[in-house]
Amino acid sequence: MRLFVGIALPQDIRFRLSLLCCGLPNIRWVQPENMHLTLRFIGEVGDDGARRIEAAAREALEEAGVAVDVGEPLQVASNFHEPGRPTIGAWFAATLCDPSAAPVAGDDAVEAAWFDPASPPPLAFPNDAVLLARLAGG
């Protein structure tokens, strides 16, 4: 599956663009109903990868109140901090859709705020410290 973030174009724009799609040999043009403006091409991902990216964006909105454009994975690691419940954590790069957005704590957090990766607050999971140290250049 090819995953991207795009904007659907109005029908009149698609029609006008379709009039330009001619005259070049050996070119396969996109059908007008499939025309869109791609904002970010994420790449080929399986259904599972698409669900993870969707989940990361949903978590940012639900847990911190910010809408994000999810980018490349930064780290995938096994979490053994609860020996009876091992999990796998996936951390993604992300860009704020609104650069002036401020995080707001979700229903399971006391507070949410931006911080310098070199001097984080107390962390919930040990693997968070590994990634933050790498991001801080350490």
N, C-alpha and C. Protein backbone atom coordinates (compact mmCIF):
# COMPACT_ATOMS: atom_id res chain seq x y z
N MET A 1 0.85 -1.16 0.00
CA MET A 1 0.00 0.00 0.00
C MET A 1 0.90 1.23 0.00
N ARG A 2 0.57 2.21 -0.85
CA ARG A 2 1.30 3.48 -0.87
C ARG A 2 0.58 4.43 0.07
N LEU A 3 1.30 4.93 1.06
CA LEU A 3 0.69 5.78 2.07
C LEU A 3 1.17 7.21 1.89
N PHE A 4 0.23 8.16 1.90
CA PHE A 4 0.58 9.57 1.77
C PHE A 4 -0.48 10.42 2.46
N VAL A 5 -0.12 11.68 2.68
CA VAL A 5 -1.08 12.66 3.19
C VAL A 5 -1.39 13.58 2.03
N GLY A 6 -2.67 13.72 1.69
CA GLY A 6 -3.04 14.52 0.53
C GLY A 6 -4.31 15.31 0.76
N ILE A 7 -4.57 16.19 -0.18
CA ILE A 7 -5.77 17.02 -0.17
C ILE A 7 -6.55 16.70 -1.44
N ALA A 8 -7.82 16.39 -1.29
CA ALA A 8 -8.68 16.16 -2.45
C ALA A 8 -8.90 17.50 -3.16
N LEU A 9 -8.90 17.46 -4.48
CA LEU A 9 -9.11 18.68 -5.27
C LEU A 9 -10.59 18.80 -5.65
N PRO A 10 -11.10 20.03 -5.71
CA PRO A 10 -12.49 20.22 -6.14
C PRO A 10 -12.67 19.71 -7.57
N GLN A 11 -13.88 19.31 -7.90
CA GLN A 11 -14.17 18.73 -9.21
C GLN A 11 -13.80 19.66 -10.35
N ASP A 12 -14.07 20.97 -10.23
CA ASP A 12 -13.76 21.89 -11.33
C ASP A 12 -12.25 21.98 -11.58
N ILE A 13 -11.45 21.92 -10.52
CA ILE A 13 -9.99 21.94 -10.67
C ILE A 13 -9.53 20.65 -11.35
N ARG A 14 -10.06 19.52 -10.91
CA ARG A 14 -9.70 18.24 -11.54
C ARG A 14 -10.03 18.24 -13.03
N PHE A 15 -11.20 18.81 -13.38
CA PHE A 15 -11.60 18.87 -14.78
C PHE A 15 -10.61 19.72 -15.58
N ARG A 16 -10.26 20.90 -15.05
CA ARG A 16 -9.32 21.78 -15.77
C ARG A 16 -7.96 21.13 -15.91
N LEU A 17 -7.51 20.45 -14.88
CA LEU A 17 -6.23 19.75 -14.97
C LEU A 17 -6.28 18.63 -16.01
N SER A 18 -7.42 17.94 -16.09
CA SER A 18 -7.54 16.84 -17.05
C SER A 18 -7.40 17.33 -18.48
N LEU A 19 -7.76 18.58 -18.74
CA LEU A 19 -7.62 19.14 -20.09
C LEU A 19 -6.16 19.33 -20.48
N LEU A 20 -5.28 19.41 -19.47
CA LEU A 20 -3.85 19.57 -19.74
C LEU A 20 -3.14 18.24 -19.95
N CYS A 21 -3.82 17.15 -19.66
CA CYS A 21 -3.21 15.82 -19.68
C CYS A 21 -3.30 15.21 -21.07
N CYS A 22 -2.54 15.75 -21.98
CA CYS A 22 -2.52 15.20 -23.33
C CYS A 22 -1.26 15.68 -24.04
N GLY A 23 -0.98 15.05 -25.18
CA GLY A 23 0.10 15.54 -26.03
C GLY A 23 1.48 14.99 -25.76
N LEU A 24 1.68 14.22 -24.72
CA LEU A 24 3.00 13.63 -24.45
C LEU A 24 2.92 12.13 -24.67
N PRO A 25 3.69 11.60 -25.60
CA PRO A 25 3.63 10.16 -25.86
C PRO A 25 4.23 9.36 -24.70
N ASN A 26 3.71 8.14 -24.52
CA ASN A 26 4.20 7.19 -23.51
C ASN A 26 4.04 7.67 -22.07
N ILE A 27 3.10 8.56 -21.85
CA ILE A 27 2.81 9.04 -20.49
C ILE A 27 1.43 8.52 -20.10
N ARG A 28 1.34 7.94 -18.91
CA ARG A 28 0.05 7.47 -18.39
C ARG A 28 -0.44 8.51 -17.38
N TRP A 29 -1.53 9.17 -17.70
CA TRP A 29 -2.07 10.22 -16.84
C TRP A 29 -3.01 9.63 -15.81
N VAL A 30 -3.10 10.26 -14.67
CA VAL A 30 -4.02 9.87 -13.61
C VAL A 30 -5.43 10.27 -14.03
N GLN A 31 -6.39 9.40 -13.76
CA GLN A 31 -7.79 9.72 -14.05
C GLN A 31 -8.21 10.90 -13.17
N PRO A 32 -9.05 11.80 -13.69
CA PRO A 32 -9.45 12.99 -12.92
C PRO A 32 -9.99 12.66 -11.52
N GLU A 33 -10.73 11.57 -11.37
CA GLU A 33 -11.29 11.25 -10.05
C GLU A 33 -10.21 10.86 -9.04
N ASN A 34 -8.99 10.56 -9.51
CA ASN A 34 -7.88 10.20 -8.61
C ASN A 34 -6.90 11.35 -8.40
N MET A 35 -7.14 12.50 -8.99
CA MET A 35 -6.22 13.64 -8.83
C MET A 35 -6.34 14.22 -7.43
N HIS A 36 -5.19 14.56 -6.85
CA HIS A 36 -5.12 15.14 -5.51
C HIS A 36 -3.79 15.89 -5.39
N LEU A 37 -3.64 16.62 -4.32
CA LEU A 37 -2.39 17.30 -4.03
C LEU A 37 -1.71 16.54 -2.89
N THR A 38 -0.55 15.94 -3.17
CA THR A 38 0.17 15.19 -2.15
C THR A 38 0.99 16.16 -1.30
N LEU A 39 0.79 16.12 0.01
CA LEU A 39 1.54 16.97 0.94
C LEU A 39 2.76 16.25 1.47
N ARG A 40 2.63 14.95 1.68
CA ARG A 40 3.76 14.15 2.20
C ARG A 40 3.58 12.73 1.72
N PHE A 41 4.61 12.21 1.04
CA PHE A 41 4.61 10.82 0.63
C PHE A 41 5.35 10.02 1.69
N ILE A 42 4.68 9.06 2.30
CA ILE A 42 5.28 8.27 3.37
C ILE A 42 5.97 7.04 2.80
N GLY A 43 5.38 6.45 1.78
CA GLY A 43 6.02 5.33 1.10
C GLY A 43 5.17 4.07 1.12
N GLU A 44 5.80 2.99 0.70
CA GLU A 44 5.13 1.70 0.68
C GLU A 44 5.09 1.13 2.08
N VAL A 45 3.91 0.83 2.56
CA VAL A 45 3.76 0.20 3.87
C VAL A 45 2.69 -0.89 3.76
N GLY A 46 2.83 -1.90 4.56
CA GLY A 46 1.79 -2.92 4.64
C GLY A 46 0.63 -2.38 5.46
N ASP A 47 -0.45 -3.13 5.47
CA ASP A 47 -1.62 -2.70 6.25
C ASP A 47 -1.24 -2.45 7.71
N ASP A 48 -0.34 -3.29 8.24
CA ASP A 48 0.07 -3.15 9.62
C ASP A 48 0.82 -1.83 9.83
N GLY A 49 1.70 -1.47 8.88
CA GLY A 49 2.43 -0.21 8.98
C GLY A 49 1.50 0.99 8.93
N ALA A 50 0.48 0.92 8.07
CA ALA A 50 -0.48 2.02 7.97
C ALA A 50 -1.24 2.17 9.28
N ARG A 51 -1.60 1.05 9.90
CA ARG A 51 -2.31 1.12 11.18
C ARG A 51 -1.43 1.73 12.27
N ARG A 52 -0.13 1.42 12.24
CA ARG A 52 0.77 1.99 13.26
C ARG A 52 0.90 3.49 13.10
N ILE A 53 1.03 3.96 11.86
CA ILE A 53 1.15 5.40 11.62
C ILE A 53 -0.14 6.10 12.03
N GLU A 54 -1.27 5.52 11.68
CA GLU A 54 -2.57 6.07 12.07
C GLU A 54 -2.69 6.10 13.59
N ALA A 55 -2.25 5.04 14.25
CA ALA A 55 -2.32 4.97 15.71
C ALA A 55 -1.42 6.03 16.35
N ALA A 56 -0.25 6.26 15.78
CA ALA A 56 0.66 7.27 16.34
C ALA A 56 0.02 8.67 16.26
N ALA A 57 -0.59 8.98 15.13
CA ALA A 57 -1.25 10.29 14.99
C ALA A 57 -2.43 10.40 15.96
N ARG A 58 -3.19 9.32 16.09
CA ARG A 58 -4.35 9.33 17.00
C ARG A 58 -3.89 9.50 18.45
N GLU A 59 -2.81 8.81 18.83
CA GLU A 59 -2.29 8.92 20.21
C GLU A 59 -1.84 10.34 20.51
N ALA A 60 -1.16 10.99 19.56
CA ALA A 60 -0.72 12.37 19.78
C ALA A 60 -1.92 13.28 20.04
N LEU A 61 -2.99 13.06 19.29
CA LEU A 61 -4.18 13.89 19.47
C LEU A 61 -4.90 13.57 20.77
N GLU A 62 -5.06 12.27 21.07
CA GLU A 62 -5.79 11.88 22.28
C GLU A 62 -5.00 12.15 23.57
N GLU A 63 -3.70 11.89 23.55
CA GLU A 63 -2.91 11.97 24.78
C GLU A 63 -2.27 13.34 25.02
N ALA A 64 -2.08 14.13 23.94
CA ALA A 64 -1.43 15.43 24.12
C ALA A 64 -2.21 16.57 23.46
N GLY A 65 -3.30 16.26 22.79
CA GLY A 65 -4.12 17.30 22.19
C GLY A 65 -3.50 18.00 21.00
N VAL A 66 -2.53 17.36 20.33
CA VAL A 66 -1.89 17.99 19.17
C VAL A 66 -2.06 17.11 17.94
N ALA A 67 -2.35 17.75 16.81
CA ALA A 67 -2.44 17.05 15.53
C ALA A 67 -1.05 17.03 14.91
N VAL A 68 -0.62 15.86 14.44
CA VAL A 68 0.72 15.73 13.88
C VAL A 68 0.69 15.01 12.54
N ASP A 69 1.72 15.29 11.75
CA ASP A 69 2.01 14.56 10.53
C ASP A 69 3.11 13.57 10.92
N VAL A 70 2.79 12.29 10.94
CA VAL A 70 3.73 11.27 11.41
C VAL A 70 4.77 10.98 10.33
N GLY A 71 6.04 10.95 10.75
CA GLY A 71 7.13 10.69 9.82
C GLY A 71 7.74 9.31 10.02
N GLU A 72 9.04 9.25 9.85
CA GLU A 72 9.79 8.00 9.91
C GLU A 72 9.86 7.45 11.33
N PRO A 73 9.95 6.13 11.46
CA PRO A 73 10.19 5.56 12.79
C PRO A 73 11.58 5.96 13.29
N LEU A 74 11.68 6.32 14.56
CA LEU A 74 12.97 6.68 15.17
C LEU A 74 13.56 5.52 15.96
N GLN A 75 12.70 4.72 16.56
CA GLN A 75 13.17 3.63 17.41
C GLN A 75 12.05 2.62 17.58
N VAL A 76 12.43 1.36 17.54
CA VAL A 76 11.53 0.27 17.88
C VAL A 76 12.29 -0.58 18.89
N ALA A 77 11.71 -0.81 20.05
CA ALA A 77 12.43 -1.53 21.10
C ALA A 77 11.48 -2.36 21.95
N SER A 78 12.00 -3.46 22.45
CA SER A 78 11.24 -4.29 23.39
C SER A 78 11.26 -3.63 24.74
N ASN A 79 10.14 -3.67 25.42
CA ASN A 79 10.01 -3.09 26.75
C ASN A 79 9.82 -4.23 27.75
N PHE A 80 10.76 -4.35 28.67
CA PHE A 80 10.69 -5.40 29.68
C PHE A 80 10.57 -4.83 31.09
N HIS A 81 10.10 -3.58 31.20
CA HIS A 81 9.99 -2.97 32.53
C HIS A 81 8.91 -3.63 33.37
N GLU A 82 7.98 -4.33 32.75
CA GLU A 82 7.00 -5.16 33.46
C GLU A 82 7.23 -6.58 32.98
N PRO A 83 8.04 -7.37 33.67
CA PRO A 83 8.43 -8.70 33.18
C PRO A 83 7.26 -9.60 32.76
N GLY A 84 6.14 -9.49 33.41
CA GLY A 84 4.99 -10.31 33.05
C GLY A 84 4.22 -9.80 31.84
N ARG A 85 4.54 -8.58 31.40
CA ARG A 85 3.82 -7.97 30.27
C ARG A 85 4.79 -7.28 29.32
N PRO A 86 5.66 -8.05 28.65
CA PRO A 86 6.58 -7.40 27.71
C PRO A 86 5.81 -6.80 26.53
N THR A 87 6.27 -5.66 26.08
CA THR A 87 5.64 -4.98 24.95
C THR A 87 6.72 -4.53 23.98
N ILE A 88 6.29 -4.06 22.82
CA ILE A 88 7.20 -3.45 21.86
C ILE A 88 6.77 -2.01 21.69
N GLY A 89 7.70 -1.10 21.84
CA GLY A 89 7.42 0.32 21.67
C GLY A 89 7.93 0.80 20.34
N ALA A 90 7.17 1.67 19.68
CA ALA A 90 7.59 2.29 18.42
C ALA A 90 7.49 3.80 18.59
N TRP A 91 8.58 4.48 18.33
CA TRP A 91 8.65 5.94 18.43
C TRP A 91 8.81 6.48 17.02
N PHE A 92 8.01 7.49 16.67
CA PHE A 92 8.04 8.09 15.34
C PHE A 92 8.42 9.55 15.40
N ALA A 93 9.09 10.03 14.37
CA ALA A 93 9.26 11.47 14.19
C ALA A 93 7.89 12.02 13.82
N ALA A 94 7.63 13.25 14.17
CA ALA A 94 6.35 13.87 13.82
C ALA A 94 6.54 15.37 13.71
N THR A 95 5.72 15.98 12.88
CA THR A 95 5.71 17.43 12.71
C THR A 95 4.35 17.94 13.13
N LEU A 96 4.32 18.97 13.92
CA LEU A 96 3.05 19.55 14.34
C LEU A 96 2.32 20.13 13.13
N CYS A 97 1.04 19.84 13.01
CA CYS A 97 0.24 20.45 11.94
C CYS A 97 0.10 21.95 12.19
N ASP A 98 0.03 22.34 13.44
CA ASP A 98 -0.01 23.75 13.83
C ASP A 98 1.21 24.01 14.70
N PRO A 99 2.24 24.67 14.13
CA PRO A 99 3.48 24.88 14.89
C PRO A 99 3.31 25.62 16.21
N SER A 100 2.21 26.34 16.39
CA SER A 100 2.01 27.07 17.65
C SER A 100 1.22 26.24 18.67
N ALA A 101 0.87 25.00 18.33
CA ALA A 101 0.07 24.17 19.23
C ALA A 101 0.85 23.85 20.51
N ALA A 102 0.14 23.85 21.61
CA ALA A 102 0.72 23.49 22.90
C ALA A 102 0.07 22.19 23.37
N PRO A 103 0.87 21.28 23.93
CA PRO A 103 0.28 20.02 24.38
C PRO A 103 -0.63 20.22 25.59
N VAL A 104 -1.65 19.38 25.66
CA VAL A 104 -2.61 19.39 26.77
C VAL A 104 -2.68 17.95 27.28
N ALA A 105 -2.58 17.77 28.57
CA ALA A 105 -2.59 16.43 29.15
C ALA A 105 -3.89 15.70 28.84
N GLY A 106 -3.75 14.43 28.40
CA GLY A 106 -4.92 13.59 28.18
C GLY A 106 -5.49 13.11 29.49
N ASP A 107 -6.47 12.24 29.43
CA ASP A 107 -7.15 11.81 30.65
C ASP A 107 -6.31 10.92 31.56
N ASP A 108 -5.20 10.39 31.06
CA ASP A 108 -4.37 9.54 31.92
C ASP A 108 -3.03 10.19 32.27
N ALA A 109 -2.94 11.52 32.13
CA ALA A 109 -1.69 12.23 32.44
C ALA A 109 -1.99 13.40 33.38
N VAL A 110 -1.01 13.71 34.20
CA VAL A 110 -1.14 14.85 35.11
C VAL A 110 -0.87 16.15 34.36
N GLU A 111 0.16 16.13 33.50
CA GLU A 111 0.50 17.32 32.72
C GLU A 111 1.19 16.91 31.43
N ALA A 112 1.26 17.84 30.49
CA ALA A 112 1.96 17.63 29.24
C ALA A 112 2.65 18.93 28.88
N ALA A 113 3.89 18.84 28.39
CA ALA A 113 4.64 20.05 28.03
C ALA A 113 5.78 19.67 27.10
N TRP A 114 6.28 20.65 26.34
CA TRP A 114 7.47 20.44 25.52
C TRP A 114 8.67 20.52 26.44
N PHE A 115 9.71 19.76 26.15
CA PHE A 115 10.93 19.82 26.96
C PHE A 115 12.14 19.55 26.08
N ASP A 116 13.30 19.95 26.57
CA ASP A 116 14.57 19.72 25.89
C ASP A 116 14.92 18.25 26.07
N PRO A 117 15.22 17.51 24.99
CA PRO A 117 15.55 16.09 25.15
C PRO A 117 16.79 15.86 26.02
N ALA A 118 17.64 16.87 26.15
CA ALA A 118 18.84 16.73 26.98
C ALA A 118 18.52 16.81 28.48
N SER A 119 17.37 17.37 28.84
CA SER A 119 17.01 17.45 30.26
C SER A 119 15.52 17.15 30.43
N PRO A 120 15.14 15.89 30.23
CA PRO A 120 13.73 15.52 30.31
C PRO A 120 13.23 15.46 31.76
N PRO A 121 11.92 15.52 31.92
CA PRO A 121 11.32 15.30 33.24
C PRO A 121 11.39 13.81 33.55
N PRO A 122 10.93 13.37 34.72
CA PRO A 122 10.89 11.93 34.99
C PRO A 122 10.10 11.21 33.89
N LEU A 123 10.64 10.10 33.42
CA LEU A 123 10.05 9.38 32.29
C LEU A 123 9.28 8.14 32.75
N ALA A 124 8.25 7.80 32.00
CA ALA A 124 7.42 6.65 32.34
C ALA A 124 8.08 5.33 31.97
N PHE A 125 8.89 5.32 30.90
CA PHE A 125 9.45 4.06 30.40
C PHE A 125 10.95 4.19 30.18
N PRO A 126 11.73 3.17 30.56
CA PRO A 126 13.19 3.23 30.43
C PRO A 126 13.67 3.47 29.01
N ASN A 127 13.03 2.89 28.01
CA ASN A 127 13.49 3.07 26.63
C ASN A 127 13.33 4.50 26.14
N ASP A 128 12.46 5.29 26.78
CA ASP A 128 12.33 6.69 26.40
C ASP A 128 13.66 7.42 26.58
N ALA A 129 14.37 7.09 27.66
CA ALA A 129 15.65 7.75 27.95
C ALA A 129 16.68 7.44 26.88
N VAL A 130 16.68 6.24 26.35
CA VAL A 130 17.63 5.86 25.30
C VAL A 130 17.43 6.73 24.06
N LEU A 131 16.19 6.86 23.63
CA LEU A 131 15.91 7.69 22.44
C LEU A 131 16.20 9.16 22.70
N LEU A 132 15.79 9.67 23.86
CA LEU A 132 16.03 11.08 24.15
C LEU A 132 17.52 11.40 24.19
N ALA A 133 18.32 10.50 24.74
CA ALA A 133 19.78 10.72 24.76
C ALA A 133 20.32 10.79 23.34
N ARG A 134 19.81 9.90 22.48
CA ARG A 134 20.27 9.92 21.08
C ARG A 134 19.84 11.21 20.39
N LEU A 135 18.61 11.66 20.64
CA LEU A 135 18.13 12.90 20.03
C LEU A 135 18.90 14.11 20.54
N ALA A 136 19.31 14.06 21.78
CA ALA A 136 20.07 15.16 22.37
C ALA A 136 21.53 15.17 21.94
N GLY A 137 21.92 14.13 21.21
CA GLY A 137 23.30 14.06 20.71
C GLY A 137 24.24 13.34 21.63
N GLY A 138 23.69 12.61 22.61
CA GLY A 138 24.56 11.94 23.58
C GLY A 138 24.75 10.50 23.37
